[in-house]
Amino acid sequence: MVSVKKIVLDVLKPHQPNALEFSLAVAAAGADYRVHLTVIEVDENTETLQVVTEAGALNSDAIQTAAKGMGGSVHSIDEVEVHNGGDPSDTS
């Protein structure tokens, strides 16, 4: 089975919610999600974030929905890591 293990998003959000609240909301999108958020740029009304989310199997739609629910706008998917967890004994 192919699964997404890591996704890096470029996100623009208003100053509120703060980075911790935003990270908690993204982490809550999945059972074992780990989130690393870096504030890249701050202007008068917004913050640009790099949001790295990792887990055994990520749901990209759920992550993006959580970001949008916190007022964020996903500008791009900058990096992904995908694994094929197929049966290693299957050589066909």
C-alpha atoms as a PDB file:
ATOM      1  CA  MET A   1       0.000   0.000   0.000  1.00  0.00           C
ATOM      2  CA  VAL A   2       1.312   3.428  -0.925  1.00  0.00           C
ATOM      3  CA  SER A   3       1.174   6.030   1.847  1.00  0.00           C
ATOM      4  CA  VAL A   4       2.247   9.627   2.338  1.00  0.00           C
ATOM      5  CA  LYS A   5       4.754   9.845   5.206  1.00  0.00           C
ATOM      6  CA  LYS A   6       5.718  13.531   5.034  1.00  0.00           C
ATOM      7  CA  ILE A   7       4.302  16.676   3.472  1.00  0.00           C
ATOM      8  CA  VAL A   8       5.742  20.196   3.550  1.00  0.00           C
ATOM      9  CA  LEU A   9       3.309  23.049   2.924  1.00  0.00           C
ATOM     10  CA  ASP A  10       3.810  26.747   2.281  1.00  0.00           C
ATOM     11  CA  VAL A  11       0.924  28.422   4.134  1.00  0.00           C
ATOM     12  CA  LEU A  12      -0.209  32.026   4.533  1.00  0.00           C
ATOM     13  CA  LYS A  13      -2.287  32.771   7.635  1.00  0.00           C
ATOM     14  CA  PRO A  14      -3.455  35.767   9.657  1.00  0.00           C
ATOM     15  CA  HIS A  15      -1.585  36.530  12.908  1.00  0.00           C
ATOM     16  CA  GLN A  16      -4.342  34.826  14.888  1.00  0.00           C
ATOM     17  CA  PRO A  17      -4.477  31.958  15.621  1.00  0.00           C
ATOM     18  CA  ASN A  18      -0.871  31.857  16.773  1.00  0.00           C
ATOM     19  CA  ALA A  19       1.654  29.276  15.564  1.00  0.00           C
ATOM     20  CA  LEU A  20       1.030  26.897  18.474  1.00  0.00           C
ATOM     21  CA  GLU A  21      -2.742  26.884  17.996  1.00  0.00           C
ATOM     22  CA  PHE A  22      -2.293  26.397  14.251  1.00  0.00           C
ATOM     23  CA  SER A  23       0.101  23.472  14.806  1.00  0.00           C
ATOM     24  CA  LEU A  24      -2.247  21.818  17.273  1.00  0.00           C
ATOM     25  CA  ALA A  25      -5.122  22.010  14.773  1.00  0.00           C
ATOM     26  CA  VAL A  26      -3.017  20.412  12.017  1.00  0.00           C
ATOM     27  CA  ALA A  27      -1.758  17.698  14.384  1.00  0.00           C
ATOM     28  CA  ALA A  28      -5.348  16.929  15.398  1.00  0.00           C
ATOM     29  CA  ALA A  29      -6.164  16.051  11.764  1.00  0.00           C
ATOM     30  CA  GLY A  30      -4.679  12.572  12.277  1.00  0.00           C
ATOM     31  CA  ALA A  31      -4.053  10.077  15.036  1.00  0.00           C
ATOM     32  CA  ASP A  32      -0.239  10.111  15.011  1.00  0.00           C
ATOM     33  CA  TYR A  33       0.581  13.369  13.207  1.00  0.00           C
ATOM     34  CA  ARG A  34       3.783  15.213  14.105  1.00  0.00           C
ATOM     35  CA  VAL A  35       3.950  18.872  13.065  1.00  0.00           C
ATOM     36  CA  HIS A  36       6.974  21.140  12.759  1.00  0.00           C
ATOM     37  CA  LEU A  37       5.988  24.734  11.986  1.00  0.00           C
ATOM     38  CA  THR A  38       8.412  27.514  11.069  1.00  0.00           C
ATOM     39  CA  VAL A  39       7.361  31.136  10.676  1.00  0.00           C
ATOM     40  CA  ILE A  40       9.200  32.260   7.542  1.00  0.00           C
ATOM     41  CA  GLU A  41       7.934  35.816   7.176  1.00  0.00           C
ATOM     42  CA  VAL A  42       5.695  38.257   9.060  1.00  0.00           C
ATOM     43  CA  ASP A  43       4.025  41.329   7.619  1.00  0.00           C
ATOM     44  CA  GLU A  44       1.385  43.717   8.905  1.00  0.00           C
ATOM     45  CA  ASN A  45      -1.548  41.310   8.598  1.00  0.00           C
ATOM     46  CA  THR A  46      -0.205  37.837   7.830  1.00  0.00           C
ATOM     47  CA  GLU A  47       2.464  35.221   8.466  1.00  0.00           C
ATOM     48  CA  THR A  48       4.061  32.882   5.948  1.00  0.00           C
ATOM     49  CA  LEU A  49       4.648  29.415   7.391  1.00  0.00           C
ATOM     50  CA  GLN A  50       6.462  26.260   6.458  1.00  0.00           C
ATOM     51  CA  VAL A  51       4.399  23.409   7.906  1.00  0.00           C
ATOM     52  CA  VAL A  52       6.026  19.965   7.963  1.00  0.00           C
ATOM     53  CA  THR A  53       3.670  17.130   8.893  1.00  0.00           C
ATOM     54  CA  GLU A  54       4.823  13.531   9.334  1.00  0.00           C
ATOM     55  CA  ALA A  55       3.063  10.293  10.260  1.00  0.00           C
ATOM     56  CA  GLY A  56       2.713   6.657   9.299  1.00  0.00           C
ATOM     57  CA  ALA A  57       0.044   7.608   6.767  1.00  0.00           C
ATOM     58  CA  LEU A  58      -1.010  11.211   6.132  1.00  0.00           C
ATOM     59  CA  ASN A  59      -4.289  12.445   4.699  1.00  0.00           C
ATOM     60  CA  SER A  60      -3.344  15.498   2.642  1.00  0.00           C
ATOM     61  CA  ASP A  61      -6.967  16.639   2.326  1.00  0.00           C
ATOM     62  CA  ALA A  62      -7.472  16.526   6.113  1.00  0.00           C
ATOM     63  CA  ILE A  63      -4.295  18.552   6.674  1.00  0.00           C
ATOM     64  CA  GLN A  64      -5.311  21.193   4.141  1.00  0.00           C
ATOM     65  CA  THR A  65      -8.841  21.327   5.593  1.00  0.00           C
ATOM     66  CA  ALA A  66      -7.401  21.875   9.085  1.00  0.00           C
ATOM     67  CA  ALA A  67      -5.172  24.687   7.779  1.00  0.00           C
ATOM     68  CA  LYS A  68      -8.111  26.342   6.013  1.00  0.00           C
ATOM     69  CA  GLY A  69     -10.233  25.940   9.146  1.00  0.00           C
ATOM     70  CA  MET A  70      -7.660  28.013  11.030  1.00  0.00           C
ATOM     71  CA  GLY A  71      -7.752  30.775   8.411  1.00  0.00           C
ATOM     72  CA  GLY A  72      -4.754  29.526   6.453  1.00  0.00           C
ATOM     73  CA  SER A  73      -4.309  29.459   2.705  1.00  0.00           C
ATOM     74  CA  VAL A  74      -2.108  26.690   1.299  1.00  0.00           C
ATOM     75  CA  HIS A  75       0.101  28.267  -1.369  1.00  0.00           C
ATOM     76  CA  SER A  76       1.977  25.154  -2.390  1.00  0.00           C
ATOM     77  CA  ILE A  77       3.080  21.649  -1.549  1.00  0.00           C
ATOM     78  CA  ASP A  78       6.850  22.060  -1.412  1.00  0.00           C
ATOM     79  CA  GLU A  79       7.955  18.533  -0.527  1.00  0.00           C
ATOM     80  CA  VAL A  80       6.454  15.070  -0.108  1.00  0.00           C
ATOM     81  CA  GLU A  81       7.713  11.689   0.994  1.00  0.00           C
ATOM     82  CA  VAL A  82       5.736   8.666  -0.156  1.00  0.00           C
ATOM     83  CA  HIS A  83       6.439   5.013   0.665  1.00  0.00           C
ATOM     84  CA  ASN A  84       5.197   1.876  -0.991  1.00  0.00           C
ATOM     85  CA  GLY A  85       4.689  -0.532   1.878  1.00  0.00           C
ATOM     86  CA  GLY A  86       4.017  -3.490  -0.395  1.00  0.00           C
ATOM     87  CA  ASP A  87       4.958  -7.006   0.611  1.00  0.00           C
ATOM     88  CA  PRO A  88       8.787  -7.166   0.284  1.00  0.00           C
ATOM     89  CA  SER A  89       8.617 -10.944  -0.402  1.00  0.00           C
ATOM     90  CA  ASP A  90       6.477 -10.290  -3.496  1.00  0.00           C
ATOM     91  CA  THR A  91       8.985 -10.299  -6.357  1.00  0.00           C
ATOM     92  CA  SER A  92       6.482 -10.429  -9.206  1.00  0.00           C
END
